[in-house]
Amino acid sequence: MTDVFSDRLALAVREARVAHGLPVSALAERSGISRAMIGKIERGEVQPTAALLARLSGTLGLTLSELIARAEGDERRVSRAAEQEVWVDPETGYRRRPISPPAGGPLELVQIELPPGARVPVSADTYTFIHQQIWVLDGRLTFHEGEFVHDLGSGDCLQLGPPAPCTYVNATREPCRYVVAIAKR
């Protein structure tokens, strides 16, 4: 990710927060992210992790893809494979590639590659306004959905239930690739 993208992401987070009429302290309280970290994100001083961006976007009523699309400022209705920008979580190595066109719509498709041994926790509030399904393309994914644990292999598809804290886990020695389909409720 370039410094230009980090600056655009910082602006997108700040604009979404302001559009919701939230001071930094209110966003911090609702998202569980410290005011200091939100300040650093909004100033482009840090590259946030996938878990932080998911918490922020969920609290702001956006999907992660919507937040990133706002940062990219892209209104295309066709998403060419060669132009799909891959975002890598600096903490886990999780690779996220938006498949859907950036102009948005009622359905979003995102391809994820989860490295061997990676764990990505996502808070329940991320799922409060979306319906989501996970389709495993390659490898194995252990998905913790609240108290439920789903062991998913190639070709398996899981429809998420009511919002719950979730963790994506690749407990194997091979990468796991899956597609997440997201629709707003």
Protein backbone atom coordinates (compact mmCIF):
# COMPACT_ATOMS: atom_id res chain seq x y z
CA MET A 1 0.00 0.00 0.00
CA THR A 2 1.39 3.39 -0.92
CA ASP A 3 1.66 6.46 1.28
CA VAL A 4 -0.90 8.09 -1.03
CA PHE A 5 -3.36 5.28 -0.24
CA SER A 6 -2.67 5.61 3.50
CA ASP A 7 -3.44 9.32 3.23
CA ARG A 8 -6.67 8.59 1.33
CA LEU A 9 -7.65 5.93 3.86
CA ALA A 10 -7.02 8.39 6.69
CA LEU A 11 -9.28 10.93 4.97
CA ALA A 12 -11.99 8.30 4.29
CA VAL A 13 -12.08 7.28 7.97
CA ARG A 14 -12.18 10.89 9.13
CA GLU A 15 -14.91 11.85 6.62
CA ALA A 16 -17.05 8.83 7.57
CA ARG A 17 -16.67 9.65 11.27
CA VAL A 18 -17.61 13.30 10.71
CA ALA A 19 -20.55 12.33 8.46
CA HIS A 20 -21.90 10.27 11.36
CA GLY A 21 -21.44 13.24 13.68
CA LEU A 22 -19.05 11.32 15.90
CA PRO A 23 -16.22 12.92 17.81
CA VAL A 24 -13.10 10.75 18.05
CA SER A 25 -14.00 9.89 21.66
CA ALA A 26 -17.42 8.49 20.63
CA LEU A 27 -15.91 6.44 17.80
CA ALA A 28 -13.30 5.13 20.23
CA GLU A 29 -15.95 4.14 22.76
CA ARG A 30 -18.21 2.43 20.19
CA SER A 31 -15.41 0.63 18.33
CA GLY A 32 -13.23 -0.29 21.30
CA ILE A 33 -10.24 1.33 19.57
CA SER A 34 -8.28 3.89 21.54
CA ARG A 35 -8.59 7.59 20.72
CA ALA A 36 -4.83 7.69 20.20
CA MET A 37 -4.96 4.89 17.60
CA ILE A 38 -7.90 6.50 15.77
CA GLY A 39 -5.95 9.77 15.71
CA LYS A 40 -2.92 8.00 14.21
CA ILE A 41 -5.12 6.29 11.60
CA GLU A 42 -6.83 9.58 10.67
CA ARG A 43 -3.45 11.31 10.34
CA GLY A 44 -2.08 8.46 8.20
CA GLU A 45 0.67 7.73 10.73
CA VAL A 46 -0.05 4.00 10.93
CA GLN A 47 -1.27 1.33 8.57
CA PRO A 48 -4.17 -0.26 10.47
CA THR A 49 -4.60 -4.02 10.67
CA ALA A 50 -7.54 -5.86 9.12
CA ALA A 51 -9.10 -6.29 12.56
CA LEU A 52 -8.90 -2.54 13.30
CA LEU A 53 -10.28 -1.53 9.91
CA ALA A 54 -13.13 -4.04 10.26
CA ARG A 55 -14.04 -2.63 13.69
CA LEU A 56 -13.91 0.94 12.41
CA SER A 57 -15.90 0.25 9.25
CA GLY A 58 -18.52 -1.74 11.17
CA THR A 59 -18.92 1.02 13.74
CA LEU A 60 -19.30 3.53 10.90
CA GLY A 61 -21.95 1.39 9.17
CA LEU A 62 -19.69 0.53 6.24
CA THR A 63 -18.28 -2.72 4.97
CA LEU A 64 -14.51 -2.93 4.85
CA SER A 65 -14.71 -2.85 1.05
CA GLU A 66 -16.81 0.32 1.11
CA LEU A 67 -14.28 2.04 3.33
CA ILE A 68 -11.39 0.99 1.08
CA ALA A 69 -13.35 1.98 -2.06
CA ARG A 70 -13.90 5.43 -0.56
CA ALA A 71 -10.16 5.68 -0.02
CA GLU A 72 -9.53 4.65 -3.61
CA GLY A 73 -12.15 7.09 -4.95
CA ASP A 74 -13.07 4.70 -7.72
CA GLU A 75 -16.50 4.59 -9.42
CA ARG A 76 -15.84 1.84 -12.01
CA ARG A 77 -18.53 -0.82 -12.57
CA VAL A 78 -16.06 -3.36 -13.97
CA SER A 79 -13.35 -4.84 -11.82
CA ARG A 80 -10.47 -6.14 -13.93
CA ALA A 81 -8.34 -8.80 -12.23
CA ALA A 82 -5.12 -7.00 -13.12
CA GLU A 83 -6.37 -3.80 -11.47
CA GLN A 84 -7.68 -5.29 -8.22
CA GLU A 85 -5.45 -3.86 -5.52
CA VAL A 86 -4.36 -6.40 -2.93
CA TRP A 87 -4.19 -5.17 0.66
CA VAL A 88 -1.91 -7.04 3.07
CA ASP A 89 -2.53 -6.92 6.82
CA PRO A 90 0.79 -5.82 8.33
CA GLU A 91 0.21 -7.99 11.41
CA THR A 92 -0.94 -11.35 10.00
CA GLY A 93 0.02 -11.33 6.31
CA TYR A 94 -3.69 -11.77 5.47
CA ARG A 95 -4.18 -10.76 1.81
CA ARG A 96 -7.47 -9.15 0.78
CA ARG A 97 -8.47 -8.61 -2.85
CA PRO A 98 -11.81 -6.96 -3.65
CA ILE A 99 -13.38 -8.78 -6.59
CA SER A 100 -16.52 -6.65 -6.91
CA PRO A 101 -16.39 -3.36 -8.81
CA PRO A 102 -15.54 -0.44 -6.54
CA ALA A 103 -18.69 1.49 -7.49
CA GLY A 104 -20.58 -0.63 -4.98
CA GLY A 105 -23.90 -2.40 -5.12
CA PRO A 106 -26.02 -4.69 -2.98
CA LEU A 107 -23.46 -7.53 -3.09
CA GLU A 108 -19.72 -7.52 -2.44
CA LEU A 109 -17.25 -10.29 -3.23
CA VAL A 110 -13.82 -10.33 -1.60
CA GLN A 111 -11.09 -12.95 -2.03
CA ILE A 112 -8.90 -13.62 0.97
CA GLU A 113 -5.65 -15.54 1.31
CA LEU A 114 -4.94 -16.50 4.89
CA PRO A 115 -1.30 -17.57 5.43
CA PRO A 116 -0.42 -20.73 7.36
CA GLY A 117 -0.81 -20.23 11.11
CA ALA A 118 -2.65 -16.90 10.77
CA ARG A 119 -5.53 -15.83 13.06
CA VAL A 120 -7.70 -12.81 12.29
CA PRO A 121 -10.24 -11.87 14.98
CA VAL A 122 -13.22 -9.71 14.02
CA SER A 123 -15.63 -8.18 16.53
CA ALA A 124 -19.38 -8.87 16.48
CA ASP A 125 -20.30 -5.25 15.66
CA THR A 126 -18.64 -5.71 12.25
CA TYR A 127 -21.50 -8.06 11.32
CA THR A 128 -24.49 -6.14 12.69
CA PHE A 129 -25.63 -4.68 9.37
CA ILE A 130 -24.44 -7.30 6.87
CA HIS A 131 -25.29 -10.81 5.72
CA GLN A 132 -22.18 -12.83 4.94
CA GLN A 133 -21.19 -16.16 3.42
CA ILE A 134 -17.72 -17.72 3.25
CA TRP A 135 -16.81 -20.03 0.35
CA VAL A 136 -13.48 -21.86 0.68
CA LEU A 137 -11.62 -22.19 -2.63
CA ASP A 138 -8.37 -23.89 -1.49
CA GLY A 139 -7.06 -25.19 1.81
CA ARG A 140 -8.79 -25.40 5.20
CA LEU A 141 -10.35 -22.65 7.26
CA THR A 142 -11.31 -22.98 10.90
CA PHE A 143 -13.93 -20.33 11.52
CA HIS A 144 -14.89 -19.46 15.09
CA GLU A 145 -18.35 -17.87 15.17
CA GLY A 146 -19.12 -17.07 18.78
CA GLU A 147 -19.30 -20.45 20.53
CA PHE A 148 -19.46 -22.39 17.25
CA VAL A 149 -16.39 -23.70 15.42
CA HIS A 150 -16.74 -24.51 11.72
CA ASP A 151 -14.04 -26.59 10.00
CA LEU A 152 -14.30 -25.73 6.30
CA GLY A 153 -12.52 -27.37 3.39
CA SER A 154 -12.27 -26.67 -0.33
CA GLY A 155 -15.73 -26.12 -1.83
CA ASP A 156 -17.49 -25.66 1.54
CA CYS A 157 -19.70 -22.59 2.01
CA LEU A 158 -20.84 -21.21 5.37
CA GLN A 159 -23.67 -18.73 5.91
CA LEU A 160 -22.99 -16.72 9.05
CA GLY A 161 -25.63 -16.58 11.74
CA PRO A 162 -26.49 -13.67 14.05
CA PRO A 163 -23.64 -11.22 14.79
CA ALA A 164 -21.00 -12.78 17.05
CA PRO A 165 -17.28 -12.30 17.63
CA CYS A 166 -15.50 -14.28 14.91
CA THR A 167 -12.00 -15.49 14.24
CA TYR A 168 -10.63 -16.73 10.92
CA VAL A 169 -7.91 -19.34 11.56
CA ASN A 170 -5.60 -21.22 9.22
CA ALA A 171 -4.16 -23.94 11.45
CA THR A 172 -2.47 -25.71 8.52
CA ARG A 173 0.91 -25.35 6.84
CA GLU A 174 -0.63 -24.30 3.51
CA PRO A 175 -2.33 -21.02 2.54
CA CYS A 176 -6.12 -20.94 2.62
CA ARG A 177 -8.01 -19.05 -0.09
CA TYR A 178 -11.67 -18.17 0.30
CA VAL A 179 -14.28 -15.77 -1.00
CA VAL A 180 -16.48 -13.71 1.29
CA ALA A 181 -19.85 -12.66 -0.13
CA ILE A 182 -21.34 -9.68 1.70
CA ALA A 183 -24.78 -8.11 1.39
CA LYS A 184 -26.20 -5.33 3.53
CA ARG A 185 -29.21 -6.38 5.63
